Protein backbone atom coordinates (compact mmCIF):
# COMPACT_ATOMS: atom_id res chain seq x y z
CA MET A 1 0.00 0.00 0.00
CA THR A 2 1.45 3.38 -0.94
CA HIS A 3 1.31 6.35 1.40
CA ASP A 4 0.03 9.59 -0.10
CA ASP A 5 0.80 13.01 1.37
CA SER A 6 -0.69 15.98 -0.44
CA ARG A 7 1.84 18.39 1.07
CA TRP A 8 4.35 17.34 -1.56
CA GLY A 9 1.90 17.93 -4.44
CA ASP A 10 0.19 15.13 -6.33
CA ASP A 11 -0.48 16.64 -9.73
CA PRO A 12 1.31 14.97 -12.64
CA PRO A 13 3.98 17.07 -14.35
CA HIS A 14 2.84 19.20 -17.23
CA PRO A 15 3.88 18.00 -20.67
CA PRO A 16 7.09 19.54 -21.99
CA GLN A 17 6.67 23.18 -22.91
CA LYS A 18 7.97 24.80 -26.07
CA PRO A 19 11.40 26.40 -25.73
CA VAL A 20 11.25 29.92 -24.33
CA ASP A 21 13.16 33.01 -25.28
CA ALA A 22 16.48 32.94 -23.45
CA ARG A 23 15.72 36.29 -21.85
CA TRP A 24 12.19 35.95 -20.54
CA GLY A 25 9.66 34.21 -22.76
CA ASP A 26 6.67 35.17 -24.83
CA ASP A 27 4.24 36.21 -22.09
CA PRO A 28 3.25 39.90 -21.77
CA PRO A 29 5.88 41.74 -19.73
CA HIS A 30 5.48 42.57 -16.07
CA PRO A 31 4.99 46.36 -15.73
CA SER A 32 8.58 46.85 -14.62
CA GLN A 33 9.76 45.44 -17.96
CA GLU A 34 8.73 48.63 -19.70
CA ARG A 35 11.67 50.58 -18.31
CA ALA A 36 13.54 52.27 -21.11
CA ASP A 37 17.05 51.57 -19.86
CA ARG A 38 17.18 47.88 -20.83
CA PRO A 39 16.23 45.71 -23.78
CA PRO A 40 12.54 44.73 -24.01
CA GLY A 41 11.80 41.28 -22.63
CA THR A 42 14.74 41.20 -20.21
CA PRO A 43 13.57 40.36 -16.68
CA THR A 44 14.39 42.55 -13.71
CA VAL A 45 15.52 40.56 -10.69
CA GLY A 46 15.44 41.18 -6.96
CA TRP A 47 17.49 39.26 -4.40
CA ILE A 48 16.62 38.87 -0.70
CA GLY A 49 19.37 37.54 1.54
CA THR A 50 23.07 38.08 0.84
CA GLY A 51 24.82 35.80 3.29
CA ARG A 52 27.57 33.51 2.01
CA MET A 53 25.26 31.63 -0.37
CA GLY A 54 22.98 34.45 -1.39
CA ALA A 55 25.83 36.83 -2.17
CA ALA A 56 27.65 34.26 -4.31
CA MET A 57 24.50 33.38 -6.26
CA ALA A 58 23.45 36.99 -6.77
CA GLU A 59 26.97 37.83 -7.94
CA ARG A 60 26.70 35.25 -10.72
CA LEU A 61 23.53 36.89 -12.04
CA ALA A 62 25.02 40.37 -11.78
CA ARG A 63 28.18 39.27 -13.60
CA ALA A 64 25.99 37.85 -16.36
CA GLY A 65 24.48 41.29 -16.93
CA VAL A 66 21.15 40.69 -15.19
CA ASP A 67 19.41 43.83 -13.91
CA LEU A 68 19.61 42.93 -10.21
CA THR A 69 18.74 44.75 -7.00
CA ALA A 70 19.62 43.15 -3.65
CA TRP A 71 18.35 43.55 -0.10
CA ASN A 72 19.76 42.22 3.17
CA ARG A 73 18.90 42.94 6.81
CA THR A 74 22.51 44.01 7.31
CA LEU A 75 22.87 46.26 4.30
CA ALA A 76 26.67 46.18 4.38
CA LYS A 77 26.60 42.50 3.36
CA ALA A 78 24.88 43.44 0.10
CA GLU A 79 27.15 46.38 -0.75
CA PRO A 80 29.92 44.29 -2.42
CA LEU A 81 27.46 43.32 -5.16
CA LYS A 82 27.68 46.88 -6.48
CA GLU A 83 31.16 46.04 -7.76
CA HIS A 84 29.53 43.59 -10.18
CA GLY A 85 26.86 45.94 -11.50
CA ALA A 86 24.04 45.23 -9.06
CA SER A 87 22.03 47.79 -7.11
CA VAL A 88 21.30 47.64 -3.39
CA CYS A 89 18.11 48.76 -1.67
CA ALA A 90 17.31 49.51 1.96
CA SER A 91 13.67 48.38 1.89
CA LEU A 92 11.88 45.26 0.65
CA THR A 93 9.25 47.54 -0.85
CA ASP A 94 11.80 48.52 -3.48
CA LEU A 95 11.69 44.96 -4.87
CA ARG A 96 7.94 44.75 -5.38
CA ASP A 97 8.11 45.86 -9.03
CA ARG A 98 10.72 43.25 -9.99
CA ASP A 99 9.80 40.54 -12.48
CA VAL A 100 11.51 37.81 -10.43
CA VAL A 101 12.63 37.90 -6.79
CA PHE A 102 14.94 35.23 -5.36
CA THR A 103 15.11 34.51 -1.63
CA THR A 104 17.98 32.84 0.24
CA VAL A 105 17.31 32.91 3.98
CA GLY A 106 18.21 30.71 6.94
CA THR A 107 14.91 29.41 8.33
CA SER A 108 11.23 28.94 7.58
CA GLU A 109 10.47 31.82 9.94
CA ASP A 110 12.85 34.10 8.05
CA LEU A 111 11.15 33.28 4.76
CA GLU A 112 7.67 34.04 6.07
CA ASP A 113 8.94 37.22 7.69
CA VAL A 114 10.57 38.76 4.60
CA LEU A 115 7.57 37.89 2.43
CA LEU A 116 4.50 38.14 4.65
CA ALA A 117 5.28 40.42 7.61
CA GLU A 118 4.36 44.08 7.67
CA GLY A 119 6.64 45.85 5.20
CA GLY A 120 7.45 42.53 3.55
CA LEU A 121 7.70 41.81 -0.15
CA LEU A 122 4.05 40.84 -0.55
CA GLY A 123 2.63 43.53 1.72
CA GLY A 124 1.73 46.15 -0.88
CA ASP A 125 -0.48 46.60 -3.91
CA ALA A 126 2.36 45.75 -6.29
CA VAL A 127 3.95 42.30 -6.19
CA PRO A 128 6.73 40.64 -8.22
CA GLY A 129 5.78 38.41 -11.12
CA VAL A 130 7.57 35.39 -9.64
CA VAL A 131 9.11 34.52 -6.26
CA VAL A 132 11.83 31.85 -6.33
CA ASP A 133 12.89 30.55 -2.92
CA CYS A 134 16.30 28.85 -2.79
CA SER A 135 16.32 28.28 0.98
CA THR A 136 15.98 24.97 2.80
CA VAL A 137 12.68 25.34 4.68
CA SER A 138 9.86 23.10 5.81
CA PRO A 139 7.20 22.03 3.29
CA GLU A 140 4.53 23.53 5.55
CA ALA A 141 6.13 26.98 5.49
CA SER A 142 6.71 26.68 1.77
CA ALA A 143 3.05 25.81 1.21
CA ARG A 144 1.91 28.81 3.26
CA VAL A 145 4.15 31.14 1.30
CA ARG A 146 3.00 29.59 -1.99
CA ALA A 147 -0.64 30.17 -1.05
CA ALA A 148 0.09 33.78 -0.05
CA CYS A 149 1.89 34.43 -3.34
CA GLU A 150 -0.94 32.96 -5.38
CA GLU A 151 -3.53 34.97 -3.43
CA ARG A 152 -1.66 38.16 -4.27
CA GLY A 153 -1.07 37.27 -7.92
CA ALA A 154 2.59 36.20 -7.80
CA ALA A 155 3.80 32.78 -8.98
CA PHE A 156 6.00 30.80 -6.59
CA LEU A 157 8.75 28.24 -7.15
CA ALA A 158 10.53 26.20 -4.50
CA ALA A 159 14.13 25.94 -5.73
CA PRO A 160 16.52 24.72 -3.01
CA VAL A 161 20.13 24.25 -4.01
CA SER A 162 22.95 21.73 -3.62
CA GLY A 163 26.28 23.33 -2.82
CA ASN A 164 27.83 26.18 -0.89
CA ALA A 165 29.42 29.50 -1.78
CA LYS A 166 32.59 27.87 -3.09
CA VAL A 167 30.54 25.50 -5.26
CA VAL A 168 28.60 28.49 -6.60
CA LYS A 169 31.80 30.28 -7.56
CA SER A 170 33.08 27.21 -9.36
CA GLY A 171 29.89 27.08 -11.46
CA LYS A 172 28.83 23.67 -10.10
CA LEU A 173 25.72 24.62 -8.15
CA SER A 174 22.60 22.57 -8.91
CA LEU A 175 18.96 23.35 -8.10
CA VAL A 176 15.84 21.23 -7.69
CA VAL A 177 12.58 23.00 -8.49
CA SER A 178 8.87 22.46 -7.96
CA GLY A 179 5.84 24.58 -8.76
CA PRO A 180 3.92 25.51 -11.90
CA ARG A 181 5.70 24.10 -14.95
CA GLU A 182 5.00 27.18 -17.05
CA THR A 183 6.63 29.37 -14.38
CA TYR A 184 9.66 27.08 -14.23
CA ASP A 185 10.07 27.25 -18.00
CA LYS A 186 9.93 31.03 -17.82
CA VAL A 187 12.69 31.42 -15.22
CA ALA A 188 14.86 28.44 -16.26
CA PRO A 189 17.30 30.70 -18.19
CA LEU A 190 17.98 32.60 -14.95
CA LEU A 191 18.40 29.38 -12.99
CA ASP A 192 20.90 28.15 -15.57
CA LEU A 193 23.08 31.20 -14.88
CA LEU A 194 23.46 30.11 -11.25
CA GLY A 195 25.38 26.92 -11.97
CA ARG A 196 25.23 23.66 -13.89
CA GLY A 197 21.45 23.69 -14.19
CA SER A 198 18.18 22.83 -12.50
CA THR A 199 15.93 19.77 -12.27
CA TYR A 200 12.16 20.13 -12.33
CA VAL A 201 10.47 17.51 -10.12
CA GLY A 202 6.79 18.45 -10.24
CA GLU A 203 4.13 20.58 -8.61
CA GLY A 204 3.73 21.67 -4.99
CA GLU A 205 6.50 21.17 -2.45
CA LYS A 206 8.23 18.15 -3.98
CA ALA A 207 11.52 20.06 -4.28
CA ARG A 208 11.57 20.50 -0.49
CA LEU A 209 11.45 16.76 0.06
CA VAL A 210 14.20 16.18 -2.51
CA LYS A 211 16.49 18.76 -0.86
CA ILE A 212 15.87 17.40 2.62
CA ALA A 213 16.64 13.86 1.41
CA HIS A 214 19.82 15.24 -0.19
CA ASN A 215 20.96 16.78 3.09
CA LEU A 216 20.27 13.60 5.02
CA MET A 217 22.73 11.90 2.67
CA LEU A 218 25.17 14.75 3.27
CA GLY A 219 25.23 14.08 7.00
CA VAL A 220 25.26 10.29 6.76
CA VAL A 221 28.12 10.27 4.24
CA THR A 222 30.18 12.73 6.30
CA GLN A 223 29.74 10.67 9.48
CA THR A 224 30.64 7.46 7.65
CA LEU A 225 33.66 9.11 6.05
CA ALA A 226 34.77 10.29 9.49
CA GLU A 227 34.46 6.76 10.91
CA ILE A 228 36.50 5.02 8.21
CA THR A 229 39.11 7.81 8.14
CA VAL A 230 39.64 7.46 11.89
CA LEU A 231 39.79 3.68 11.53
CA ALA A 232 42.53 3.95 8.90
CA GLU A 233 44.54 6.53 10.84
CA LYS A 234 44.42 4.57 14.08
CA GLY A 235 45.82 1.66 12.09
CA GLY A 236 48.76 3.83 11.00
CA VAL A 237 47.57 5.23 7.64
CA PRO A 238 47.87 9.03 7.15
CA ARG A 239 44.54 10.70 6.45
CA HIS A 240 45.74 12.25 3.19
CA ALA A 241 46.89 8.86 1.85
CA PHE A 242 43.69 7.09 2.82
CA LEU A 243 41.48 9.81 1.32
CA GLU A 244 43.55 10.00 -1.87
CA PHE A 245 42.99 6.28 -2.41
CA PHE A 246 39.32 6.50 -1.47
CA ASN A 247 38.58 9.47 -3.76
CA ASN A 248 40.28 7.77 -6.72
CA SER A 249 38.28 4.59 -6.19
CA VAL A 250 34.76 3.85 -7.39
CA MET A 251 33.56 4.83 -3.91
CA GLY A 252 34.86 8.39 -4.17
CA SER A 253 32.57 11.25 -5.14
CA GLY A 254 32.64 14.96 -5.79
CA PHE A 255 31.52 15.49 -2.21
CA THR A 256 34.10 13.24 -0.53
CA ARG A 257 36.83 14.90 -2.60
CA TYR A 258 35.53 18.34 -1.66
CA LYS A 259 35.49 17.50 2.07
CA SER A 260 38.97 15.92 2.05
CA PRO A 261 41.01 19.12 2.63
CA ALA A 262 39.03 19.79 5.81
CA PHE A 263 39.61 16.23 7.03
CA VAL A 264 43.33 16.23 6.20
CA ASN A 265 44.22 19.67 7.52
CA LEU A 266 41.46 20.08 10.14
CA ASP A 267 40.29 23.24 8.38
CA TYR A 268 36.83 23.81 9.83
CA ARG A 269 36.02 27.19 8.37
CA PRO A 270 32.26 26.94 7.90
CA THR A 271 30.58 25.96 4.67
CA PHE A 272 27.62 24.47 6.57
CA THR A 273 27.32 24.46 10.34
CA PRO A 274 26.21 21.63 12.65
CA VAL A 275 23.18 23.69 13.68
CA LEU A 276 21.98 24.02 10.08
CA LEU A 277 22.55 20.33 9.47
CA ARG A 278 20.59 19.47 12.63
CA LYS A 279 17.69 21.57 11.35
CA ASP A 280 17.63 19.58 8.10
CA PHE A 281 17.77 16.26 9.94
CA ASP A 282 14.83 17.38 12.06
CA LEU A 283 12.90 18.18 8.88
CA GLY A 284 13.88 14.86 7.32
CA LEU A 285 12.91 12.75 10.30
CA ASP A 286 9.61 14.60 10.53
CA ALA A 287 8.92 13.86 6.87
CA ALA A 288 9.81 10.20 7.44
CA ARG A 289 7.31 9.95 10.30
CA ARG A 290 4.57 11.56 8.22
CA LEU A 291 5.25 9.32 5.23
CA GLY A 292 5.76 6.15 7.25
CA VAL A 293 9.38 5.56 6.14
CA PRO A 294 11.90 4.07 8.62
CA LEU A 295 15.28 5.84 8.59
CA PRO A 296 17.39 3.99 11.19
CA VAL A 297 20.83 5.11 9.95
CA THR A 298 19.62 8.69 9.60
CA ALA A 299 18.18 8.65 13.13
CA LEU A 300 21.51 7.51 14.59
CA THR A 301 23.41 10.12 12.59
CA ALA A 302 21.04 12.78 13.92
CA GLN A 303 22.16 11.93 17.45
CA LEU A 304 25.80 12.30 16.47
CA ILE A 305 25.07 15.65 14.85
CA GLN A 306 23.34 16.73 18.05
CA ALA A 307 26.45 15.70 19.97
CA SER A 308 28.53 17.95 17.72
CA VAL A 309 26.19 20.87 18.45
CA ALA A 310 26.45 20.15 22.18
CA THR A 311 30.22 20.74 22.05
CA GLY A 312 29.51 24.42 21.47
CA ARG A 313 31.42 24.50 18.19
CA VAL A 314 28.37 25.80 16.37
CA ASP A 315 30.22 28.33 14.20
CA GLU A 316 32.56 25.76 12.65
CA ASP A 317 31.93 23.42 9.75
CA PHE A 318 29.98 20.23 10.34
CA ALA A 319 33.18 18.38 9.36
CA ILE A 320 33.97 18.57 13.09
CA LEU A 321 32.19 15.19 13.11
CA LEU A 322 35.71 13.90 12.38
CA ASP A 323 36.98 15.30 15.69
CA LEU A 324 34.14 13.70 17.64
CA GLN A 325 34.78 10.33 16.02
CA ALA A 326 38.50 10.57 16.75
CA ALA A 327 37.83 11.46 20.39
CA ALA A 328 35.53 8.45 20.73
CA ALA A 329 38.38 6.28 19.39
CA GLY A 330 40.99 7.78 21.71
CA LEU A 331 42.85 9.36 18.79
CA ASP A 332 44.42 12.83 18.93
CA LEU A 333 44.28 14.49 15.52
CA VAL A 334 46.77 17.03 14.24
CA PRO A 335 46.73 18.87 10.91
CA GLU A 336 48.79 17.05 8.28
CA ASN A 337 49.53 20.28 6.35
CA VAL A 338 49.27 18.53 2.99
CA GLU A 339 47.89 20.24 -0.11
CA VAL A 340 44.77 18.36 -1.17
CA ASP A 341 42.73 18.84 -4.33
CA ASP A 342 39.11 19.65 -3.51
CA GLY A 343 37.90 18.93 -7.03
CA LEU A 344 36.53 22.44 -7.56
CA GLY A 345 39.59 24.08 -9.06
CA THR A 346 39.45 26.96 -6.57
CA GLY A 347 41.54 27.73 -3.53
CA PRO A 348 40.30 28.13 0.03
CA GLU A 349 38.37 31.28 0.85
CA GLU A 350 37.58 32.91 4.15
CA GLY A 351 34.12 31.91 5.34
CA ASP A 352 33.70 29.08 2.83
């Protein structure tokens, strides 16, 4: 017997649409498209949230020549985008006439606040044509925001991403998207500018489930990699040698290669913190309960992630799981100070 949950959306995908114009498509322009200072049919874009991820993604659009205006609670974090041709605004109301507005925020509450609270994006008479949310939030919050957008006449796409700021800069970001197919087809050219492309998975909140499942794998793989790395080192094998072999084997992946420099040199500058990973595991285990799916390995990993949070090292990268595993094995780790290829072709950056 299959379990059905309407929160993820049950409608079958629309049939393939005809190719759209690379700039915007054939639909009548949003009123803001009639500005005289840009070619007809080119979408104007707003960006909400310029933390590590948001800033890197918005920069890619600005560098591609997109007419982009960015907003962030701490305005200074958006200012660097001006160097790449973007504008910065002090109020969310300044983004209401944009054709497309992207959001990259930390929590479900943040998303509802910037869109639905007083003074938020959807609080006036004018609304953007499309809202594209690239955050990792709960399906319930996403559904509430989708309903609010539709009520006000704006289309909504859930478009969470796989990667971090360094992945964005290397051009290897990927997105999973759900919502109206015709809206996806319209904004796909913009999504393509953000990285290697996007995958459409259907209507409703299906993209949220895909992203949460993705991040469960992220945590489980990192914990497993920590365990076998500690096992090898306690048996006398240097971490860099073990991981070089592993990454060159059929078991290696882009992710294990990317995480290897942190494991070898104990470089825990944050790309994704234990607190954020714990949030995603909470969402995943909640989805599993609702859908009736046992996740025993995930549940155990969630406890180990909680243990990493309990150490107080909440501003470091979740790769500190390696330290916890080493401590449990009675092994003192030291940086090996070996140059390790991360597979992205870019050097380390502060805050990545």
